[in-house]
PDB file of N, CA and C in Angstrom:
ATOM      1  N   UNK A   1     113.802 130.184  25.485  1.00  0.00           N
ATOM      2  CA  UNK A   1     113.530 131.442  24.732  1.00  0.00           C
ATOM      3  C   UNK A   1     113.670 131.130  23.065  1.00  0.00           C
ATOM      4  N   UNK A   2     114.825 130.448  22.857  1.00  0.00           N
ATOM      5  CA  UNK A   2     115.802 130.770  21.771  1.00  0.00           C
ATOM      6  C   UNK A   2     114.433 130.058  20.679  1.00  0.00           C
ATOM      7  N   UNK A   3     113.964 128.876  21.542  1.00  0.00           N
ATOM      8  CA  UNK A   3     112.735 128.215  20.601  1.00  0.00           C
ATOM      9  C   UNK A   3     111.108 129.148  20.387  1.00  0.00           C
ATOM     10  N   UNK A   4     110.963 129.417  21.628  1.00  0.00           N
ATOM     11  CA  UNK A   4     109.547 129.511  22.095  1.00  0.00           C
ATOM     12  C   UNK A   4     109.018 131.162  22.129  1.00  0.00           C
ATOM     13  N   UNK A   5     110.360 132.091  22.508  1.00  0.00           N
ATOM     14  CA  UNK A   5     110.589 133.406  22.199  1.00  0.00           C
ATOM     15  C   UNK A   5     110.081 133.307  23.882  1.00  0.00           C
ATOM     16  N   UNK A   6     109.838 135.064  24.219  1.00  0.00           N
ATOM     17  CA  UNK A   6     109.269 135.149  25.371  1.00  0.00           C
ATOM     18  C   UNK A   6     108.293 134.548  26.140  1.00  0.00           C
ATOM     19  N   UNK A   7     107.159 134.275  25.582  1.00  0.00           N
ATOM     20  CA  UNK A   7     106.045 133.644  25.712  1.00  0.00           C
ATOM     21  C   UNK A   7     105.803 132.066  26.162  1.00  0.00           C
ATOM     22  N   UNK A   8     107.025 131.905  25.550  1.00  0.00           N
ATOM     23  CA  UNK A   8     107.406 130.207  25.858  1.00  0.00           C
ATOM     24  C   UNK A   8     107.405 129.921  27.292  1.00  0.00           C
ATOM     25  N   UNK A   9     107.805 130.625  27.922  1.00  0.00           N
ATOM     26  CA  UNK A   9     107.516 130.012  29.881  1.00  0.00           C
ATOM     27  C   UNK A   9     105.964 130.410  30.084  1.00  0.00           C
ATOM     28  N   UNK A  10     105.205 131.207  29.629  1.00  0.00           N
ATOM     29  CA  UNK A  10     103.722 131.428  29.848  1.00  0.00           C
ATOM     30  C   UNK A  10     102.590 130.709  29.301  1.00  0.00           C
ATOM     31  N   UNK A  11     103.649 130.131  28.213  1.00  0.00           N
ATOM     32  CA  UNK A  11     102.551 128.625  27.825  1.00  0.00           C
ATOM     33  C   UNK A  11     102.770 127.344  28.953  1.00  0.00           C
ATOM     34  N   UNK A  12     104.174 127.355  29.003  1.00  0.00           N
ATOM     35  CA  UNK A  12     104.502 126.069  30.016  1.00  0.00           C
ATOM     36  C   UNK A  12     103.382 126.071  31.245  1.00  0.00           C
ATOM     37  N   UNK A  13     104.103 127.433  32.129  1.00  0.00           N
ATOM     38  CA  UNK A  13     103.416 127.848  33.312  1.00  0.00           C
ATOM     39  C   UNK A  13     101.767 127.223  33.238  1.00  0.00           C
ATOM     40  N   UNK A  14     101.158 128.122  32.158  1.00  0.00           N
ATOM     41  CA  UNK A  14      99.775 127.391  32.234  1.00  0.00           C
ATOM     42  C   UNK A  14      99.596 126.148  32.357  1.00  0.00           C
ATOM     43  N   UNK A  15      99.973 125.242  31.429  1.00  0.00           N
ATOM     44  CA  UNK A  15      99.996 123.829  31.266  1.00  0.00           C
ATOM     45  C   UNK A  15     100.188 123.160  32.271  1.00  0.00           C
ATOM     46  N   UNK A  16     101.363 124.025  33.414  1.00  0.00           N
ATOM     47  CA  UNK A  16     101.499 123.176  34.543  1.00  0.00           C
ATOM     48  C   UNK A  16     100.514 123.509  35.324  1.00  0.00           C
ATOM     49  N   UNK A  17     100.047 124.422  35.481  1.00  0.00           N
ATOM     50  CA  UNK A  17      98.752 125.134  36.392  1.00  0.00           C
ATOM     51  C   UNK A  17      97.390 123.990  36.157  1.00  0.00           C
ATOM     52  N   UNK A  18      97.127 124.078  34.903  1.00  0.00           N
ATOM     53  CA  UNK A  18      96.287 123.101  34.427  1.00  0.00           C
ATOM     54  C   UNK A  18      96.442 121.687  34.886  1.00  0.00           C
ATOM     55  N   UNK A  19      97.631 121.441  34.653  1.00  0.00           N
ATOM     56  CA  UNK A  19      97.994 119.619  34.945  1.00  0.00           C
ATOM     57  C   UNK A  19      97.783 119.353  36.524  1.00  0.00           C
ATOM     58  N   UNK A  20      97.794 120.123  37.404  1.00  0.00           N
ATOM     59  CA  UNK A  20      98.035 120.289  38.735  1.00  0.00           C
ATOM     60  C   UNK A  20      96.241 120.513  39.540  1.00  0.00           C
ATOM     61  N   UNK A  21      95.296 120.463  38.306  1.00  0.00           N
ATOM     62  CA  UNK A  21      94.067 120.550  39.490  1.00  0.00           C
ATOM     63  C   UNK A  21      93.427 119.136  38.450  1.00  0.00           C
ATOM     64  N   UNK A  22      92.288 118.834  39.128  1.00  0.00           N
ATOM     65  CA  UNK A  22      91.495 117.575  38.534  1.00  0.00           C
ATOM     66  C   UNK A  22      91.177 118.151  37.350  1.00  0.00           C
ATOM     67  N   UNK A  23      90.277 117.273  36.867  1.00  0.00           N
ATOM     68  CA  UNK A  23      89.510 117.297  35.580  1.00  0.00           C
ATOM     69  C   UNK A  23      88.509 118.173  35.370  1.00  0.00           C
ATOM     70  N   UNK A  24      87.802 117.925  37.218  1.00  0.00           N
ATOM     71  CA  UNK A  24      86.459 118.434  36.947  1.00  0.00           C
ATOM     72  C   UNK A  24      86.316 120.245  37.737  1.00  0.00           C
ATOM     73  N   UNK A  25      86.671 120.793  36.728  1.00  0.00           N
ATOM     74  CA  UNK A  25      86.963 122.105  37.284  1.00  0.00           C
ATOM     75  C   UNK A  25      85.769 123.256  36.820  1.00  0.00           C
ATOM     76  N   UNK A  26      85.530 124.282  37.692  1.00  0.00           N
ATOM     77  CA  UNK A  26      84.418 125.486  37.399  1.00  0.00           C
ATOM     78  C   UNK A  26      85.569 126.246  36.706  1.00  0.00           C
ATOM     79  N   UNK A  27      84.863 127.457  35.730  1.00  0.00           N
ATOM     80  CA  UNK A  27      85.312 128.431  34.883  1.00  0.00           C
ATOM     81  C   UNK A  27      84.922 129.520  36.521  1.00  0.00           C
ATOM     82  N   UNK A  28      85.238 129.896  36.965  1.00  0.00           N
ATOM     83  CA  UNK A  28      84.684 131.110  37.783  1.00  0.00           C
ATOM     84  C   UNK A  28      84.302 132.572  36.967  1.00  0.00           C
ATOM     85  N   UNK A  29      85.679 132.667  36.398  1.00  0.00           N
ATOM     86  CA  UNK A  29      85.609 133.912  35.793  1.00  0.00           C
ATOM     87  C   UNK A  29      86.556 133.505  34.125  1.00  0.00           C
ATOM     88  N   UNK A  30      86.182 134.359  33.264  1.00  0.00           N
ATOM     89  CA  UNK A  30      87.334 134.463  31.844  1.00  0.00           C
ATOM     90  C   UNK A  30      86.909 135.832  31.204  1.00  0.00           C
ATOM     91  N   UNK A  31      88.071 136.348  30.656  1.00  0.00           N
ATOM     92  CA  UNK A  31      87.724 137.523  30.193  1.00  0.00           C
ATOM     93  C   UNK A  31      89.183 137.904  28.967  1.00  0.00           C
ATOM     94  N   UNK A  32      89.089 137.922  27.931  1.00  0.00           N
ATOM     95  CA  UNK A  32      90.314 138.518  27.071  1.00  0.00           C
ATOM     96  C   UNK A  32      89.931 140.235  26.324  1.00  0.00           C
ATOM     97  N   UNK A  33      90.571 140.936  25.920  1.00  0.00           N
ATOM     98  CA  UNK A  33      90.862 141.758  25.676  1.00  0.00           C
ATOM     99  C   UNK A  33      91.576 142.029  25.095  1.00  0.00           C
ATOM    100  N   UNK A  34      91.243 142.963  24.151  1.00  0.00           N
ATOM    101  CA  UNK A  34      92.657 142.903  23.087  1.00  0.00           C
ATOM    102  C   UNK A  34      92.375 144.272  22.462  1.00  0.00           C
ATOM    103  N   UNK A  35      93.018 145.306  22.659  1.00  0.00           N
ATOM    104  CA  UNK A  35      93.059 146.469  22.292  1.00  0.00           C
ATOM    105  C   UNK A  35      93.879 146.916  21.188  1.00  0.00           C
ATOM    106  N   UNK A  36      93.848 147.969  20.401  1.00  0.00           N
ATOM    107  CA  UNK A  36      93.966 148.229  19.324  1.00  0.00           C
ATOM    108  C   UNK A  36      95.683 147.927  19.050  1.00  0.00           C
ATOM    109  N   UNK A  37      96.124 148.952  20.008  1.00  0.00           N
ATOM    110  CA  UNK A  37      97.540 149.279  19.888  1.00  0.00           C
ATOM    111  C   UNK A  37      98.348 148.076  21.025  1.00  0.00           C
ATOM    112  N   UNK A  38      97.655 147.278  21.635  1.00  0.00           N
ATOM    113  CA  UNK A  38      98.362 146.466  22.169  1.00  0.00           C
ATOM    114  C   UNK A  38      98.778 144.971  22.033  1.00  0.00           C
ATOM    115  N   UNK A  39      99.051 144.140  22.281  1.00  0.00           N
ATOM    116  CA  UNK A  39      98.494 142.564  22.076  1.00  0.00           C
ATOM    117  C   UNK A  39      97.389 142.105  23.206  1.00  0.00           C
ATOM    118  N   UNK A  40      96.829 141.393  22.901  1.00  0.00           N
ATOM    119  CA  UNK A  40      95.811 141.032  23.845  1.00  0.00           C
ATOM    120  C   UNK A  40      96.166 140.494  25.522  1.00  0.00           C
ATOM    121  N   UNK A  41      95.221 140.318  26.428  1.00  0.00           N
ATOM    122  CA  UNK A  41      95.461 140.295  27.427  1.00  0.00           C
ATOM    123  C   UNK A  41      94.217 139.359  27.810  1.00  0.00           C
ATOM    124  N   UNK A  42      94.187 137.896  28.528  1.00  0.00           N
ATOM    125  CA  UNK A  42      93.335 137.567  28.997  1.00  0.00           C
ATOM    126  C   UNK A  42      93.792 136.501  30.326  1.00  0.00           C
ATOM    127  N   UNK A  43      92.608 136.498  30.857  1.00  0.00           N
ATOM    128  CA  UNK A  43      92.496 136.228  32.249  1.00  0.00           C
ATOM    129  C   UNK A  43      91.420 135.189  32.458  1.00  0.00           C
ATOM    130  N   UNK A  44      91.437 134.077  33.340  1.00  0.00           N
ATOM    131  CA  UNK A  44      90.684 132.971  33.508  1.00  0.00           C
ATOM    132  C   UNK A  44      91.172 132.408  34.511  1.00  0.00           C
ATOM    133  N   UNK A  45      90.286 132.621  35.250  1.00  0.00           N
ATOM    134  CA  UNK A  45      89.781 132.202  36.780  1.00  0.00           C
ATOM    135  C   UNK A  45      89.056 130.718  37.168  1.00  0.00           C
ATOM    136  N   UNK A  46      90.106 129.383  37.268  1.00  0.00           N
ATOM    137  CA  UNK A  46      89.460 128.465  37.654  1.00  0.00           C
ATOM    138  C   UNK A  46      89.417 128.378  39.044  1.00  0.00           C
ATOM    139  N   UNK A  47      87.902 127.023  39.463  1.00  0.00           N
ATOM    140  CA  UNK A  47      88.289 126.246  40.680  1.00  0.00           C
ATOM    141  C   UNK A  47      88.132 124.956  40.593  1.00  0.00           C
ATOM    142  N   UNK A  48      88.890 124.466  41.547  1.00  0.00           N
ATOM    143  CA  UNK A  48      88.789 123.061  41.789  1.00  0.00           C
ATOM    144  C   UNK A  48      87.812 122.213  42.772  1.00  0.00           C
ATOM    145  N   UNK A  49      86.976 121.594  41.897  1.00  0.00           N
ATOM    146  CA  UNK A  49      85.134 121.551  42.757  1.00  0.00           C
ATOM    147  C   UNK A  49      85.615 119.815  43.042  1.00  0.00           C
ATOM    148  N   UNK A  50      85.604 119.758  44.227  1.00  0.00           N
ATOM    149  CA  UNK A  50      85.952 118.278  44.991  1.00  0.00           C
ATOM    150  C   UNK A  50      84.800 117.729  45.353  1.00  0.00           C
ATOM    151  N   UNK A  51      84.844 116.395  45.044  1.00  0.00           N
ATOM    152  CA  UNK A  51      83.581 115.711  44.685  1.00  0.00           C
ATOM    153  C   UNK A  51      83.509 114.973  46.499  1.00  0.00           C
TER     154      UNK A  51
END
């Protein structure tokens, strides 16, 4: 928390999640909303595609 702030753990969790998936993932849904009065928020839904 001292080095990355409160968003640091969120970044680490995204990297861990993506590392757990295979290389060939399908983007099911993505959305980013940046309201004028708040910090932006994003949603990314990925699906593992098995060969």
